[in-house]
N, C-alpha and C. Protein backbone atom coordinates (compact mmCIF):
# COMPACT_ATOMS: atom_id res chain seq x y z
N GLY A 1 62.68 43.81 156.75
CA GLY A 1 63.60 43.01 157.46
C GLY A 1 63.63 41.66 157.04
N LEU A 2 64.41 40.96 157.72
CA LEU A 2 64.69 39.54 157.30
C LEU A 2 63.45 38.61 157.80
N VAL A 3 63.07 38.97 158.95
CA VAL A 3 61.79 38.40 159.45
C VAL A 3 60.72 39.16 159.59
N GLU A 4 59.56 38.93 159.03
CA GLU A 4 58.40 39.75 159.13
C GLU A 4 57.28 39.02 159.78
N VAL A 5 56.52 39.57 160.69
CA VAL A 5 55.38 39.07 161.29
C VAL A 5 54.16 39.86 161.13
N GLU A 6 53.13 39.28 160.74
CA GLU A 6 51.76 39.91 160.55
C GLU A 6 50.97 39.51 161.69
N MET A 7 50.24 40.52 162.36
CA MET A 7 49.71 40.33 163.44
C MET A 7 48.02 40.77 163.30
N ASN A 8 47.06 40.24 164.03
CA ASN A 8 45.63 40.84 163.97
C ASN A 8 45.65 41.65 165.25
N GLY A 9 44.32 42.10 165.38
CA GLY A 9 44.07 43.10 166.48
C GLY A 9 44.06 42.44 167.79
N HIS A 10 44.29 41.00 167.87
CA HIS A 10 44.34 40.49 169.21
C HIS A 10 45.78 40.05 169.60
N GLY A 11 46.77 40.37 168.61
CA GLY A 11 48.04 39.93 168.95
C GLY A 11 48.47 38.82 168.59
N GLU A 12 47.63 38.04 167.92
CA GLU A 12 47.82 36.65 167.42
C GLU A 12 48.58 36.78 165.87
N VAL A 13 49.59 35.97 165.78
CA VAL A 13 50.34 35.84 164.62
C VAL A 13 49.57 35.32 163.37
N LEU A 14 49.37 36.01 162.31
CA LEU A 14 48.74 35.44 161.16
C LEU A 14 49.61 34.79 160.21
N ARG A 15 50.83 35.48 160.01
CA ARG A 15 51.84 34.89 159.07
C ARG A 15 53.25 35.21 159.51
N LEU A 16 54.20 34.45 159.25
CA LEU A 16 55.51 34.54 159.63
C LEU A 16 56.28 34.55 158.24
N LYS A 17 56.85 35.59 157.80
CA LYS A 17 57.66 35.58 156.57
C LYS A 17 59.13 35.57 156.81
N ILE A 18 59.76 34.61 156.46
CA ILE A 18 61.30 34.58 156.65
C ILE A 18 62.06 34.75 155.36
N ASP A 19 63.00 35.43 155.31
CA ASP A 19 63.89 35.53 153.96
C ASP A 19 64.53 34.28 153.71
N PRO A 20 64.35 33.73 152.46
CA PRO A 20 65.04 32.44 152.23
C PRO A 20 66.55 32.53 152.31
N THR A 21 67.21 33.50 152.14
CA THR A 21 68.60 33.65 152.15
C THR A 21 69.00 33.58 153.76
N LEU A 22 68.15 34.02 154.73
CA LEU A 22 68.47 33.86 156.10
C LEU A 22 68.55 32.29 156.34
N VAL A 23 67.33 31.63 155.86
CA VAL A 23 67.35 30.08 156.08
C VAL A 23 68.50 29.47 155.52
N ALA A 24 68.94 29.85 154.45
CA ALA A 24 70.13 29.23 153.73
C ALA A 24 71.40 29.28 154.55
N LYS A 25 71.47 30.60 155.22
CA LYS A 25 72.76 30.78 155.94
C LYS A 25 72.59 30.04 157.20
N ALA A 26 71.32 29.89 157.76
CA ALA A 26 71.25 29.01 159.15
C ALA A 26 71.56 27.57 158.70
N ASP A 27 71.19 27.09 157.51
CA ASP A 27 71.40 25.82 157.16
C ASP A 27 72.83 25.28 156.90
N GLY A 28 73.66 26.40 156.53
CA GLY A 28 74.93 26.13 156.38
C GLY A 28 75.29 26.07 154.91
């Protein structure tokens, strides 16, 4: 997907990976 989230066993977010192209679109 465009946005991927890695979580541990406690439901805490370890990493948030965002597709650079998605950021570019949002930036205009």
